[in-house]
Amino acid sequence: MIPVPASTKIWLAGGVTDMRKGFVGLSVLAEKVLRQDPYCGHLFVFRGRRGDLIKVIWWDGQGACLFSKRLERGRFVWPSAAGGKPPQDRLADAYAALGVTPQTDAAGIKRAYRKLISQNHPDKLASRGLPESMRAVAEERSREINSAYDLIKSARSDIK
């Protein structure tokens, strides 16, 4: 049992988090994404892409604590990071971002995703002479493609 004071808030990082991150990486997310001080004593909870793993960071006043929980079966129910759009609108936007339709088969969606990532990956574009000033744009487009693919994968059972 974690001796958490009653006044402690619990912050959920909506969406998907890279579970390779440790306390430092997750505390940066708490600052940048949640706009909270990770050393304030509140709990910050992050969920991985597959949904079966969460990590919790907490500053207990003496040091940094990192807790993790992996489910053997099932997934953690989690809020999405996308603002106030209804789920069907977000899904339609995801299909549009990949240039496919809901009727496209799993292989076609994977093909479209791989092609877009290949064309838009910042490192690949940099090797082709992309100016450093455009790297942020390429990174954002890459994140958009990955988010769209993750959303489609979570909505469909035929894509692994």
C-alpha atoms as a PDB file:
ATOM      1  CA  MET A   1       0.000   0.000   0.000  1.00  0.00           C
ATOM      2  CA  ILE A   2       1.298   3.424  -0.970  1.00  0.00           C
ATOM      3  CA  PRO A   3       0.896   5.936   1.888  1.00  0.00           C
ATOM      4  CA  VAL A   4      -0.557   8.724  -0.249  1.00  0.00           C
ATOM      5  CA  PRO A   5      -1.984  11.773   1.566  1.00  0.00           C
ATOM      6  CA  ALA A   6      -5.741  12.367   1.085  1.00  0.00           C
ATOM      7  CA  SER A   7      -5.067  15.721  -0.613  1.00  0.00           C
ATOM      8  CA  THR A   8      -3.037  14.059  -3.398  1.00  0.00           C
ATOM      9  CA  LYS A   9      -4.406  14.448  -6.920  1.00  0.00           C
ATOM     10  CA  ILE A  10      -4.184  11.739  -9.552  1.00  0.00           C
ATOM     11  CA  TRP A  11      -3.367  12.937 -13.078  1.00  0.00           C
ATOM     12  CA  LEU A  12      -4.066  10.650 -16.059  1.00  0.00           C
ATOM     13  CA  ALA A  13      -2.040  11.252 -19.201  1.00  0.00           C
ATOM     14  CA  GLY A  14      -4.687  10.710 -21.888  1.00  0.00           C
ATOM     15  CA  GLY A  15      -3.724   8.735 -24.961  1.00  0.00           C
ATOM     16  CA  VAL A  16      -0.670   6.523 -25.388  1.00  0.00           C
ATOM     17  CA  THR A  17       2.746   6.816 -23.750  1.00  0.00           C
ATOM     18  CA  ASP A  18       6.041   5.183 -24.677  1.00  0.00           C
ATOM     19  CA  MET A  19       6.492   2.682 -21.846  1.00  0.00           C
ATOM     20  CA  ARG A  20      10.265   2.578 -22.310  1.00  0.00           C
ATOM     21  CA  LYS A  21      10.429   5.861 -20.397  1.00  0.00           C
ATOM     22  CA  GLY A  22      11.562   5.880 -16.798  1.00  0.00           C
ATOM     23  CA  PHE A  23      10.950   8.481 -14.092  1.00  0.00           C
ATOM     24  CA  VAL A  24      12.861  11.251 -15.868  1.00  0.00           C
ATOM     25  CA  GLY A  25      11.104  10.771 -19.221  1.00  0.00           C
ATOM     26  CA  LEU A  26       7.674  10.474 -17.610  1.00  0.00           C
ATOM     27  CA  SER A  27       8.284  13.517 -15.411  1.00  0.00           C
ATOM     28  CA  VAL A  28       9.102  15.519 -18.546  1.00  0.00           C
ATOM     29  CA  LEU A  29       5.724  14.417 -19.957  1.00  0.00           C
ATOM     30  CA  ALA A  30       4.029  15.482 -16.733  1.00  0.00           C
ATOM     31  CA  GLU A  31       5.571  18.937 -17.150  1.00  0.00           C
ATOM     32  CA  LYS A  32       5.062  19.358 -20.901  1.00  0.00           C
ATOM     33  CA  VAL A  33       1.789  17.549 -21.570  1.00  0.00           C
ATOM     34  CA  LEU A  34      -0.072  17.772 -18.263  1.00  0.00           C
ATOM     35  CA  ARG A  35       1.549  21.118 -17.335  1.00  0.00           C
ATOM     36  CA  GLN A  36       2.119  19.952 -13.766  1.00  0.00           C
ATOM     37  CA  ASP A  37       5.155  19.823 -11.502  1.00  0.00           C
ATOM     38  CA  PRO A  38       6.136  16.128 -11.178  1.00  0.00           C
ATOM     39  CA  TYR A  39       7.803  16.892  -7.838  1.00  0.00           C
ATOM     40  CA  CYS A  40       4.613  18.271  -6.213  1.00  0.00           C
ATOM     41  CA  GLY A  41       3.584  14.990  -4.587  1.00  0.00           C
ATOM     42  CA  HIS A  42       0.699  14.150  -6.928  1.00  0.00           C
ATOM     43  CA  LEU A  43       0.420  10.832  -8.788  1.00  0.00           C
ATOM     44  CA  PHE A  44       0.911  10.843 -12.576  1.00  0.00           C
ATOM     45  CA  VAL A  45      -0.408   7.794 -14.420  1.00  0.00           C
ATOM     46  CA  PHE A  46       0.579   6.783 -17.968  1.00  0.00           C
ATOM     47  CA  ARG A  47      -0.703   3.939 -20.177  1.00  0.00           C
ATOM     48  CA  GLY A  48       1.130   2.049 -22.917  1.00  0.00           C
ATOM     49  CA  ARG A  49      -0.060   1.464 -26.480  1.00  0.00           C
ATOM     50  CA  ARG A  50      -1.310  -2.084 -25.922  1.00  0.00           C
ATOM     51  CA  GLY A  51      -3.301  -0.956 -22.897  1.00  0.00           C
ATOM     52  CA  ASP A  52      -2.125  -3.720 -20.574  1.00  0.00           C
ATOM     53  CA  LEU A  53       0.577  -1.672 -18.804  1.00  0.00           C
ATOM     54  CA  ILE A  54       0.440   1.509 -16.736  1.00  0.00           C
ATOM     55  CA  LYS A  55       3.229   3.374 -14.995  1.00  0.00           C
ATOM     56  CA  VAL A  56       2.765   5.725 -12.065  1.00  0.00           C
ATOM     57  CA  ILE A  57       5.317   8.307 -10.979  1.00  0.00           C
ATOM     58  CA  TRP A  58       5.221   9.963  -7.589  1.00  0.00           C
ATOM     59  CA  TRP A  59       7.547  12.213  -5.635  1.00  0.00           C
ATOM     60  CA  ASP A  60       7.093  11.194  -2.002  1.00  0.00           C
ATOM     61  CA  GLY A  61       9.114  14.065  -0.580  1.00  0.00           C
ATOM     62  CA  GLN A  62      12.261  11.975  -0.200  1.00  0.00           C
ATOM     63  CA  GLY A  63      12.731  10.594  -3.683  1.00  0.00           C
ATOM     64  CA  ALA A  64      11.233   9.570  -6.966  1.00  0.00           C
ATOM     65  CA  CYS A  65       8.944   6.527  -7.067  1.00  0.00           C
ATOM     66  CA  LEU A  66       8.071   4.639 -10.229  1.00  0.00           C
ATOM     67  CA  PHE A  67       5.378   1.970 -10.056  1.00  0.00           C
ATOM     68  CA  SER A  68       4.159  -0.244 -12.873  1.00  0.00           C
ATOM     69  CA  LYS A  69       1.247  -2.626 -13.274  1.00  0.00           C
ATOM     70  CA  ARG A  70       0.808  -5.114 -16.129  1.00  0.00           C
ATOM     71  CA  LEU A  71      -2.467  -6.953 -16.621  1.00  0.00           C
ATOM     72  CA  GLU A  72      -2.334 -10.616 -17.582  1.00  0.00           C
ATOM     73  CA  ARG A  73      -5.703 -10.307 -19.346  1.00  0.00           C
ATOM     74  CA  GLY A  74      -7.703  -7.299 -20.483  1.00  0.00           C
ATOM     75  CA  ARG A  75      -6.820  -3.657 -20.834  1.00  0.00           C
ATOM     76  CA  PHE A  76      -6.980  -0.529 -18.747  1.00  0.00           C
ATOM     77  CA  VAL A  77      -9.862   1.744 -19.760  1.00  0.00           C
ATOM     78  CA  TRP A  78      -8.299   5.073 -20.667  1.00  0.00           C
ATOM     79  CA  PRO A  79      -9.300   8.537 -21.862  1.00  0.00           C
ATOM     80  CA  SER A  80      -8.058   9.575 -25.289  1.00  0.00           C
ATOM     81  CA  ALA A  81      -5.754  12.525 -25.793  1.00  0.00           C
ATOM     82  CA  ALA A  82      -7.908  14.018 -28.559  1.00  0.00           C
ATOM     83  CA  GLY A  83      -9.947  17.021 -27.423  1.00  0.00           C
ATOM     84  CA  GLY A  84     -13.710  17.039 -27.582  1.00  0.00           C
ATOM     85  CA  LYS A  85     -14.274  15.199 -30.864  1.00  0.00           C
ATOM     86  CA  PRO A  86     -16.610  12.208 -30.777  1.00  0.00           C
ATOM     87  CA  PRO A  87     -14.819   8.851 -31.238  1.00  0.00           C
ATOM     88  CA  GLN A  88     -16.328   8.251 -34.698  1.00  0.00           C
ATOM     89  CA  ASP A  89     -15.048  11.634 -35.940  1.00  0.00           C
ATOM     90  CA  ARG A  90     -11.557  10.869 -34.627  1.00  0.00           C
ATOM     91  CA  LEU A  91     -11.655   7.478 -36.345  1.00  0.00           C
ATOM     92  CA  ALA A  92     -12.797   9.052 -39.629  1.00  0.00           C
ATOM     93  CA  ASP A  93      -9.950  11.572 -39.320  1.00  0.00           C
ATOM     94  CA  ALA A  94      -7.506   8.697 -38.710  1.00  0.00           C
ATOM     95  CA  TYR A  95      -8.610   6.894 -41.873  1.00  0.00           C
ATOM     96  CA  ALA A  96      -8.280  10.155 -43.818  1.00  0.00           C
ATOM     97  CA  ALA A  97      -4.787  10.774 -42.410  1.00  0.00           C
ATOM     98  CA  LEU A  98      -3.658   7.406 -43.772  1.00  0.00           C
ATOM     99  CA  GLY A  99      -5.526   7.917 -47.043  1.00  0.00           C
ATOM    100  CA  VAL A 100      -7.650   4.786 -46.631  1.00  0.00           C
ATOM    101  CA  THR A 101     -11.320   4.020 -45.961  1.00  0.00           C
ATOM    102  CA  PRO A 102     -12.957   1.888 -43.260  1.00  0.00           C
ATOM    103  CA  GLN A 103     -13.543  -0.759 -45.951  1.00  0.00           C
ATOM    104  CA  THR A 104      -9.793  -1.120 -46.635  1.00  0.00           C
ATOM    105  CA  ASP A 105      -8.487  -4.504 -45.482  1.00  0.00           C
ATOM    106  CA  ALA A 106      -5.817  -4.854 -42.772  1.00  0.00           C
ATOM    107  CA  ALA A 107      -2.997  -5.427 -45.271  1.00  0.00           C
ATOM    108  CA  GLY A 108      -3.964  -2.285 -47.201  1.00  0.00           C
ATOM    109  CA  ILE A 109      -3.976  -0.196 -44.021  1.00  0.00           C
ATOM    110  CA  LYS A 110      -0.559  -1.515 -42.977  1.00  0.00           C
ATOM    111  CA  ARG A 111       0.783  -0.831 -46.470  1.00  0.00           C
ATOM    112  CA  ALA A 112      -0.539   2.746 -46.428  1.00  0.00           C
ATOM    113  CA  TYR A 113       0.906   3.328 -42.936  1.00  0.00           C
ATOM    114  CA  ARG A 114       4.350   1.985 -43.854  1.00  0.00           C
ATOM    115  CA  LYS A 115       4.433   4.024 -47.060  1.00  0.00           C
ATOM    116  CA  LEU A 116       3.508   7.254 -45.257  1.00  0.00           C
ATOM    117  CA  ILE A 117       6.038   6.664 -42.476  1.00  0.00           C
ATOM    118  CA  SER A 118       8.692   5.884 -45.063  1.00  0.00           C
ATOM    119  CA  GLN A 119       7.922   9.128 -46.911  1.00  0.00           C
ATOM    120  CA  ASN A 120       7.581  11.345 -43.828  1.00  0.00           C
ATOM    121  CA  HIS A 121      10.054  10.056 -41.232  1.00  0.00           C
ATOM    122  CA  PRO A 122      12.214  12.999 -40.042  1.00  0.00           C
ATOM    123  CA  ASP A 123      15.490  11.043 -40.173  1.00  0.00           C
ATOM    124  CA  LYS A 124      14.828   9.857 -43.700  1.00  0.00           C
ATOM    125  CA  LEU A 125      13.903  13.375 -44.805  1.00  0.00           C
ATOM    126  CA  ALA A 126      17.036  14.780 -43.122  1.00  0.00           C
ATOM    127  CA  SER A 127      19.189  12.337 -45.083  1.00  0.00           C
ATOM    128  CA  ARG A 128      17.559  13.730 -48.237  1.00  0.00           C
ATOM    129  CA  GLY A 129      18.540  17.291 -47.288  1.00  0.00           C
ATOM    130  CA  LEU A 130      15.533  18.505 -45.276  1.00  0.00           C
ATOM    131  CA  PRO A 131      16.458  21.822 -43.614  1.00  0.00           C
ATOM    132  CA  GLU A 132      16.739  21.587 -39.832  1.00  0.00           C
ATOM    133  CA  SER A 133      14.041  24.260 -39.535  1.00  0.00           C
ATOM    134  CA  MET A 134      11.535  21.840 -41.118  1.00  0.00           C
ATOM    135  CA  ARG A 135      12.371  18.927 -38.803  1.00  0.00           C
ATOM    136  CA  ALA A 136       9.652  19.874 -36.293  1.00  0.00           C
ATOM    137  CA  VAL A 137       7.040  19.807 -39.062  1.00  0.00           C
ATOM    138  CA  ALA A 138       8.227  16.368 -40.180  1.00  0.00           C
ATOM    139  CA  GLU A 139       8.168  15.082 -36.588  1.00  0.00           C
ATOM    140  CA  GLU A 140       4.613  16.356 -36.112  1.00  0.00           C
ATOM    141  CA  ARG A 141       3.457  14.682 -39.346  1.00  0.00           C
ATOM    142  CA  SER A 142       5.136  11.447 -38.248  1.00  0.00           C
ATOM    143  CA  ARG A 143       3.339  11.624 -34.884  1.00  0.00           C
ATOM    144  CA  GLU A 144       0.043  12.266 -36.683  1.00  0.00           C
ATOM    145  CA  ILE A 145       0.534   9.194 -38.883  1.00  0.00           C
ATOM    146  CA  ASN A 146       1.467   7.010 -35.889  1.00  0.00           C
ATOM    147  CA  SER A 147      -1.505   8.262 -33.851  1.00  0.00           C
ATOM    148  CA  ALA A 148      -3.884   7.606 -36.735  1.00  0.00           C
ATOM    149  CA  TYR A 149      -2.558   4.076 -37.179  1.00  0.00           C
ATOM    150  CA  ASP A 150      -2.754   3.376 -33.430  1.00  0.00           C
ATOM    151  CA  LEU A 151      -6.364   4.601 -33.322  1.00  0.00           C
ATOM    152  CA  ILE A 152      -7.352   2.436 -36.286  1.00  0.00           C
ATOM    153  CA  LYS A 153      -5.581  -0.583 -34.758  1.00  0.00           C
ATOM    154  CA  SER A 154      -7.423  -0.119 -31.466  1.00  0.00           C
ATOM    155  CA  ALA A 155     -10.777   0.120 -33.297  1.00  0.00           C
ATOM    156  CA  ARG A 156     -10.236  -2.965 -35.461  1.00  0.00           C
ATOM    157  CA  SER A 157      -9.530  -6.515 -34.343  1.00  0.00           C
ATOM    158  CA  ASP A 158      -8.000  -7.621 -37.671  1.00  0.00           C
ATOM    159  CA  ILE A 159      -4.861  -5.439 -37.378  1.00  0.00           C
ATOM    160  CA  LYS A 160      -2.138  -6.711 -35.067  1.00  0.00           C
END
